[in-house]
PDB file of all heavy atoms in Angstrom:
ATOM      1  N   GLY A   1     -50.696-153.133  13.403  1.00  0.00           N
ATOM      2  CA  GLY A   1     -49.418-152.976  12.718  1.00  0.00           C
ATOM      3  C   GLY A   1     -49.457-153.262  11.240  1.00  0.00           C
ATOM      4  O   GLY A   1     -48.441-153.103  10.549  1.00  0.00           O
ATOM      5  N   ARG A   2     -50.616-153.656  10.723  1.00  0.00           N
ATOM      6  CA  ARG A   2     -50.728-153.999   9.304  1.00  0.00           C
ATOM      7  C   ARG A   2     -51.599-152.977   8.547  1.00  0.00           C
ATOM      8  O   ARG A   2     -52.079-153.252   7.448  1.00  0.00           O
ATOM      9  CB  ARG A   2     -51.332-155.407   9.161  1.00  0.00           C
ATOM     10  CG  ARG A   2     -50.581-156.510   9.903  1.00  0.00           C
ATOM     11  CD  ARG A   2     -49.352-156.970   9.186  1.00  0.00           C
ATOM     12  NE  ARG A   2     -49.692-157.775   8.022  1.00  0.00           N
ATOM     13  CZ  ARG A   2     -49.969-159.093   8.060  1.00  0.00           C
ATOM     14  NH1 ARG A   2     -49.956-159.739   9.221  1.00  0.00           N
ATOM     15  NH2 ARG A   2     -50.229-159.751   6.954  1.00  0.00           N
ATOM     16  N   GLU A   3     -51.776-151.801   9.149  1.00  0.00           N
ATOM     17  CA  GLU A   3     -52.694-150.828   8.565  1.00  0.00           C
ATOM     18  C   GLU A   3     -52.274-150.385   7.164  1.00  0.00           C
ATOM     19  O   GLU A   3     -53.117-150.251   6.264  1.00  0.00           O
ATOM     20  CB  GLU A   3     -52.826-149.603   9.493  1.00  0.00           C
ATOM     21  CG  GLU A   3     -53.576-149.871  10.782  1.00  0.00           C
ATOM     22  CD  GLU A   3     -52.674-150.417  11.890  1.00  0.00           C
ATOM     23  OE1 GLU A   3     -51.511-150.784  11.609  1.00  0.00           O
ATOM     24  OE2 GLU A   3     -53.128-150.452  13.057  1.00  0.00           O
ATOM     25  N   SER A   4     -50.996-150.168   6.962  1.00  0.00           N
ATOM     26  CA  SER A   4     -50.525-149.748   5.637  1.00  0.00           C
ATOM     27  C   SER A   4     -50.774-150.841   4.599  1.00  0.00           C
ATOM     28  O   SER A   4     -51.224-150.565   3.475  1.00  0.00           O
ATOM     29  CB  SER A   4     -49.036-149.404   5.698  1.00  0.00           C
ATOM     30  OG  SER A   4     -48.553-149.048   4.420  1.00  0.00           O
ATOM     31  N   GLU A   5     -50.502-152.079   4.974  1.00  0.00           N
ATOM     32  CA  GLU A   5     -50.760-153.213   4.080  1.00  0.00           C
ATOM     33  C   GLU A   5     -52.249-153.305   3.752  1.00  0.00           C
ATOM     34  O   GLU A   5     -52.632-153.593   2.612  1.00  0.00           O
ATOM     35  CB  GLU A   5     -50.281-154.498   4.732  1.00  0.00           C
ATOM     36  CG  GLU A   5     -50.466-155.738   3.883  1.00  0.00           C
ATOM     37  CD  GLU A   5     -50.037-157.009   4.602  1.00  0.00           C
ATOM     38  OE1 GLU A   5     -49.402-156.916   5.665  1.00  0.00           O
ATOM     39  OE2 GLU A   5     -50.346-158.106   4.077  1.00  0.00           O
ATOM     40  N   PHE A   6     -53.075-153.065   4.768  1.00  0.00           N
ATOM     41  CA  PHE A   6     -54.518-153.117   4.534  1.00  0.00           C
ATOM     42  C   PHE A   6     -54.938-152.037   3.536  1.00  0.00           C
ATOM     43  O   PHE A   6     -55.749-152.293   2.639  1.00  0.00           O
ATOM     44  CB  PHE A   6     -55.286-152.934   5.844  1.00  0.00           C
ATOM     45  CG  PHE A   6     -56.773-152.900   5.653  1.00  0.00           C
ATOM     46  CD1 PHE A   6     -57.479-154.077   5.437  1.00  0.00           C
ATOM     47  CD2 PHE A   6     -57.468-151.700   5.649  1.00  0.00           C
ATOM     48  CE1 PHE A   6     -58.856-154.052   5.233  1.00  0.00           C
ATOM     49  CE2 PHE A   6     -58.836-151.659   5.444  1.00  0.00           C
ATOM     50  CZ  PHE A   6     -59.533-152.848   5.236  1.00  0.00           C
ATOM     51  N   GLN A   7     -54.402-150.854   3.681  1.00  0.00           N
ATOM     52  CA  GLN A   7     -54.767-149.783   2.754  1.00  0.00           C
ATOM     53  C   GLN A   7     -54.381-150.134   1.316  1.00  0.00           C
ATOM     54  O   GLN A   7     -55.137-149.888   0.371  1.00  0.00           O
ATOM     55  CB  GLN A   7     -54.121-148.471   3.195  1.00  0.00           C
ATOM     56  CG  GLN A   7     -54.708-147.933   4.493  1.00  0.00           C
ATOM     57  CD  GLN A   7     -54.036-146.653   4.962  1.00  0.00           C
ATOM     58  OE1 GLN A   7     -53.248-146.051   4.243  1.00  0.00           O
ATOM     59  NE2 GLN A   7     -54.347-146.246   6.186  1.00  0.00           N
ATOM     60  N   HIS A   8     -53.234-150.754   1.151  1.00  0.00           N
ATOM     61  CA  HIS A   8     -52.826-151.194  -0.191  1.00  0.00           C
ATOM     62  C   HIS A   8     -53.771-152.289  -0.704  1.00  0.00           C
ATOM     63  O   HIS A   8     -54.068-152.352  -1.905  1.00  0.00           O
ATOM     64  CB  HIS A   8     -51.390-151.705  -0.168  1.00  0.00           C
ATOM     65  CG  HIS A   8     -50.360-150.622  -0.051  1.00  0.00           C
ATOM     66  ND1 HIS A   8     -50.250-149.590  -0.967  1.00  0.00           N
ATOM     67  CD2 HIS A   8     -49.379-150.402   0.873  1.00  0.00           C
ATOM     68  CE1 HIS A   8     -49.268-148.786  -0.610  1.00  0.00           C
ATOM     69  NE2 HIS A   8     -48.727-149.249   0.503  1.00  0.00           N
ATOM     70  N   SER A   9     -54.243-153.142   0.198  1.00  0.00           N
ATOM     71  CA  SER A   9     -55.155-154.205  -0.223  1.00  0.00           C
ATOM     72  C   SER A   9     -56.491-153.633  -0.678  1.00  0.00           C
ATOM     73  O   SER A   9     -57.119-154.157  -1.609  1.00  0.00           O
ATOM     74  CB  SER A   9     -55.363-155.210   0.917  1.00  0.00           C
ATOM     75  OG  SER A   9     -56.277-154.753   1.887  1.00  0.00           O
ATOM     76  N   VAL A  10     -56.935-152.564  -0.040  1.00  0.00           N
ATOM     77  CA  VAL A  10     -58.160-151.883  -0.466  1.00  0.00           C
ATOM     78  C   VAL A  10     -57.980-151.318  -1.872  1.00  0.00           C
ATOM     79  O   VAL A  10     -58.853-151.471  -2.745  1.00  0.00           O
ATOM     80  CB  VAL A  10     -58.536-150.766   0.528  1.00  0.00           C
ATOM     81  CG1 VAL A  10     -59.698-149.924  -0.017  1.00  0.00           C
ATOM     82  CG2 VAL A  10     -58.889-151.343   1.887  1.00  0.00           C
ATOM     83  N   GLU A  11     -56.851-150.695  -2.098  1.00  0.00           N
ATOM     84  CA  GLU A  11     -56.559-150.113  -3.411  1.00  0.00           C
ATOM     85  C   GLU A  11     -56.566-151.178  -4.501  1.00  0.00           C
ATOM     86  O   GLU A  11     -57.165-151.002  -5.573  1.00  0.00           O
ATOM     87  CB  GLU A  11     -55.202-149.409  -3.360  1.00  0.00           C
ATOM     88  CG  GLU A  11     -54.789-148.752  -4.662  1.00  0.00           C
ATOM     89  CD  GLU A  11     -53.430-148.075  -4.560  1.00  0.00           C
ATOM     90  OE1 GLU A  11     -52.982-147.826  -3.416  1.00  0.00           O
ATOM     91  OE2 GLU A  11     -52.812-147.817  -5.613  1.00  0.00           O
ATOM     92  N   LEU A  12     -55.921-152.316  -4.226  1.00  0.00           N
ATOM     93  CA  LEU A  12     -55.856-153.392  -5.213  1.00  0.00           C
ATOM     94  C   LEU A  12     -57.241-153.969  -5.483  1.00  0.00           C
ATOM     95  O   LEU A  12     -57.625-154.196  -6.645  1.00  0.00           O
ATOM     96  CB  LEU A  12     -54.916-154.488  -4.721  1.00  0.00           C
ATOM     97  CG  LEU A  12     -54.776-155.718  -5.627  1.00  0.00           C
ATOM     98  CD1 LEU A  12     -54.224-155.334  -6.995  1.00  0.00           C
ATOM     99  CD2 LEU A  12     -53.894-156.770  -4.959  1.00  0.00           C
ATOM    100  N   ALA A  13     -58.005-154.225  -4.425  1.00  0.00           N
ATOM    101  CA  ALA A  13     -59.335-154.802  -4.591  1.00  0.00           C
ATOM    102  C   ALA A  13     -60.254-153.870  -5.379  1.00  0.00           C
ATOM    103  O   ALA A  13     -61.015-154.319  -6.250  1.00  0.00           O
ATOM    104  CB  ALA A  13     -59.940-155.117  -3.236  1.00  0.00           C
ATOM    105  N   LEU A  14     -60.191-152.587  -5.098  1.00  0.00           N
ATOM    106  CA  LEU A  14     -61.031-151.630  -5.823  1.00  0.00           C
ATOM    107  C   LEU A  14     -60.617-151.524  -7.292  1.00  0.00           C
ATOM    108  O   LEU A  14     -61.468-151.308  -8.170  1.00  0.00           O
ATOM    109  CB  LEU A  14     -60.974-150.254  -5.155  1.00  0.00           C
ATOM    110  CG  LEU A  14     -61.719-150.148  -3.818  1.00  0.00           C
ATOM    111  CD1 LEU A  14     -61.465-148.796  -3.174  1.00  0.00           C
ATOM    112  CD2 LEU A  14     -63.223-150.363  -4.022  1.00  0.00           C
ATOM    113  N   GLU A  15     -59.339-151.690  -7.553  1.00  0.00           N
ATOM    114  CA  GLU A  15     -58.862-151.689  -8.936  1.00  0.00           C
ATOM    115  C   GLU A  15     -59.487-152.860  -9.705  1.00  0.00           C
ATOM    116  O   GLU A  15     -59.984-152.685 -10.821  1.00  0.00           O
ATOM    117  CB  GLU A  15     -57.335-151.794  -8.935  1.00  0.00           C
ATOM    118  CG  GLU A  15     -56.683-151.783 -10.308  1.00  0.00           C
ATOM    119  CD  GLU A  15     -55.184-151.961 -10.200  1.00  0.00           C
ATOM    120  OE1 GLU A  15     -54.564-151.307  -9.336  1.00  0.00           O
ATOM    121  OE2 GLU A  15     -54.634-152.776 -10.968  1.00  0.00           O
ATOM    122  N   TYR A  16     -59.470-154.031  -9.101  1.00  0.00           N
ATOM    123  CA  TYR A  16     -60.106-155.202  -9.726  1.00  0.00           C
ATOM    124  C   TYR A  16     -61.614-154.998  -9.841  1.00  0.00           C
ATOM    125  O   TYR A  16     -62.229-155.326 -10.866  1.00  0.00           O
ATOM    126  CB  TYR A  16     -59.808-156.460  -8.922  1.00  0.00           C
ATOM    127  CG  TYR A  16     -58.582-157.216  -9.369  1.00  0.00           C
ATOM    128  CD1 TYR A  16     -57.313-156.832  -8.948  1.00  0.00           C
ATOM    129  CD2 TYR A  16     -58.682-158.316 -10.208  1.00  0.00           C
ATOM    130  CE1 TYR A  16     -56.178-157.532  -9.353  1.00  0.00           C
ATOM    131  CE2 TYR A  16     -57.565-159.025 -10.613  1.00  0.00           C
ATOM    132  CZ  TYR A  16     -56.310-158.627 -10.186  1.00  0.00           C
ATOM    133  OH  TYR A  16     -55.191-159.325 -10.599  1.00  0.00           O
ATOM    134  N   ALA A  17     -62.221-154.485  -8.774  1.00  0.00           N
ATOM    135  CA  ALA A  17     -63.679-154.321  -8.762  1.00  0.00           C
ATOM    136  C   ALA A  17     -64.136-153.385  -9.877  1.00  0.00           C
ATOM    137  O   ALA A  17     -65.137-153.658 -10.568  1.00  0.00           O
ATOM    138  CB  ALA A  17     -64.132-153.791  -7.405  1.00  0.00           C
ATOM    139  N   GLU A  18     -63.417-152.307 -10.058  1.00  0.00           N
ATOM    140  CA  GLU A  18     -63.795-151.362 -11.120  1.00  0.00           C
ATOM    141  C   GLU A  18     -63.707-152.015 -12.493  1.00  0.00           C
ATOM    142  O   GLU A  18     -64.613-151.889 -13.323  1.00  0.00           O
ATOM    143  CB  GLU A  18     -62.886-150.129 -11.077  1.00  0.00           C
ATOM    144  CG  GLU A  18     -63.218-149.109 -12.164  1.00  0.00           C
ATOM    145  CD  GLU A  18     -62.328-147.883 -12.114  1.00  0.00           C
ATOM    146  OE1 GLU A  18     -61.323-147.900 -11.379  1.00  0.00           O
ATOM    147  OE2 GLU A  18     -62.640-146.909 -12.823  1.00  0.00           O
ATOM    148  N   TYR A  19     -62.633-152.754 -12.735  1.00  0.00           N
ATOM    149  CA  TYR A  19     -62.438-153.361 -14.048  1.00  0.00           C
ATOM    150  C   TYR A  19     -63.458-154.468 -14.303  1.00  0.00           C
ATOM    151  O   TYR A  19     -63.907-154.667 -15.445  1.00  0.00           O
ATOM    152  CB  TYR A  19     -61.019-153.928 -14.167  1.00  0.00           C
ATOM    153  CG  TYR A  19     -60.588-154.155 -15.594  1.00  0.00           C
ATOM    154  CD1 TYR A  19     -60.041-153.118 -16.347  1.00  0.00           C
ATOM    155  CD2 TYR A  19     -60.734-155.401 -16.189  1.00  0.00           C
ATOM    156  CE1 TYR A  19     -59.652-153.316 -17.661  1.00  0.00           C
ATOM    157  CE2 TYR A  19     -60.347-155.614 -17.502  1.00  0.00           C
ATOM    158  CZ  TYR A  19     -59.809-154.569 -18.241  1.00  0.00           C
ATOM    159  OH  TYR A  19     -59.437-154.771 -19.542  1.00  0.00           O
ATOM    160  N   LEU A  20     -63.837-155.185 -13.255  1.00  0.00           N
ATOM    161  CA  LEU A  20     -64.757-156.318 -13.407  1.00  0.00           C
ATOM    162  C   LEU A  20     -66.213-155.914 -13.235  1.00  0.00           C
ATOM    163  O   LEU A  20     -67.118-156.752 -13.396  1.00  0.00           O
ATOM    164  CB  LEU A  20     -64.411-157.415 -12.401  1.00  0.00           C
ATOM    165  CG  LEU A  20     -62.998-157.993 -12.490  1.00  0.00           C
ATOM    166  CD1 LEU A  20     -62.805-159.079 -11.434  1.00  0.00           C
ATOM    167  CD2 LEU A  20     -62.718-158.552 -13.881  1.00  0.00           C
ATOM    168  N   GLY A  21     -66.459-154.654 -12.904  1.00  0.00           N
ATOM    169  CA  GLY A  21     -67.829-154.211 -12.695  1.00  0.00           C
ATOM    170  C   GLY A  21     -68.461-154.799 -11.446  1.00  0.00           C
ATOM    171  O   GLY A  21     -69.677-154.978 -11.369  1.00  0.00           O
ATOM    172  N   CYS A  22     -67.644-155.087 -10.450  1.00  0.00           N
ATOM    173  CA  CYS A  22     -68.104-155.725  -9.213  1.00  0.00           C
ATOM    174  C   CYS A  22     -68.467-154.645  -8.188  1.00  0.00           C
ATOM    175  O   CYS A  22     -67.653-153.771  -7.895  1.00  0.00           O
ATOM    176  CB  CYS A  22     -67.013-156.635  -8.655  1.00  0.00           C
ATOM    177  SG  CYS A  22     -67.501-157.553  -7.183  1.00  0.00           S
ATOM    178  N   LYS A  23     -69.665-154.742  -7.632  1.00  0.00           N
ATOM    179  CA  LYS A  23     -70.168-153.708  -6.725  1.00  0.00           C
ATOM    180  C   LYS A  23     -70.133-154.094  -5.258  1.00  0.00           C
ATOM    181  O   LYS A  23     -70.574-153.331  -4.402  1.00  0.00           O
ATOM    182  CB  LYS A  23     -71.610-153.341  -7.113  1.00  0.00           C
ATOM    183  CG  LYS A  23     -71.744-152.744  -8.505  1.00  0.00           C
ATOM    184  CD  LYS A  23     -70.934-151.464  -8.630  1.00  0.00           C
ATOM    185  CE  LYS A  23     -71.105-150.815 -10.001  1.00  0.00           C
ATOM    186  NZ  LYS A  23     -70.262-149.582 -10.119  1.00  0.00           N
ATOM    187  N   ARG A  24     -69.596-155.287  -4.945  1.00  0.00           N
ATOM    188  CA  ARG A  24     -69.532-155.733  -3.555  1.00  0.00           C
ATOM    189  C   ARG A  24     -68.172-156.355  -3.281  1.00  0.00           C
ATOM    190  O   ARG A  24     -67.705-157.193  -4.059  1.00  0.00           O
ATOM    191  CB  ARG A  24     -70.618-156.769  -3.249  1.00  0.00           C
ATOM    192  CG  ARG A  24     -72.035-156.288  -3.422  1.00  0.00           C
ATOM    193  CD  ARG A  24     -73.015-157.444  -3.410  1.00  0.00           C
ATOM    194  NE  ARG A  24     -74.334-157.056  -3.881  1.00  0.00           N
ATOM    195  CZ  ARG A  24     -74.669-156.922  -5.151  1.00  0.00           C
ATOM    196  NH1 ARG A  24     -73.779-157.159  -6.105  1.00  0.00           N
ATOM    197  NH2 ARG A  24     -75.889-156.554  -5.497  1.00  0.00           N
ATOM    198  N   LEU A  25     -67.573-155.986  -2.163  1.00  0.00           N
ATOM    199  CA  LEU A  25     -66.307-156.569  -1.722  1.00  0.00           C
ATOM    200  C   LEU A  25     -66.437-156.993  -0.271  1.00  0.00           C
ATOM    201  O   LEU A  25     -66.959-156.251   0.564  1.00  0.00           O
ATOM    202  CB  LEU A  25     -65.171-155.552  -1.848  1.00  0.00           C
ATOM    203  CG  LEU A  25     -64.768-155.105  -3.256  1.00  0.00           C
ATOM    204  CD1 LEU A  25     -63.731-153.978  -3.167  1.00  0.00           C
ATOM    205  CD2 LEU A  25     -64.214-156.268  -4.055  1.00  0.00           C
ATOM    206  N   HIS A  26     -65.940-158.196   0.023  1.00  0.00           N
ATOM    207  CA  HIS A  26     -65.951-158.691   1.390  1.00  0.00           C
ATOM    208  C   HIS A  26     -64.622-158.353   2.064  1.00  0.00           C
ATOM    209  O   HIS A  26     -63.557-158.720   1.566  1.00  0.00           O
ATOM    210  CB  HIS A  26     -66.189-160.208   1.384  1.00  0.00           C
ATOM    211  CG  HIS A  26     -66.027-160.843   2.724  1.00  0.00           C
ATOM    212  ND1 HIS A  26     -65.563-162.133   2.886  1.00  0.00           N
ATOM    213  CD2 HIS A  26     -66.242-160.370   3.983  1.00  0.00           C
ATOM    214  CE1 HIS A  26     -65.520-162.425   4.168  1.00  0.00           C
ATOM    215  NE2 HIS A  26     -65.920-161.373   4.851  1.00  0.00           N
TER     216      HIS A  26
END
């Protein structure tokens, strides 16, 4: 039931990862 929230969390994490040059996310 939290799939939509999870998808938004992926989007947010990738946004940070791109800006910080981070190549790994847990």
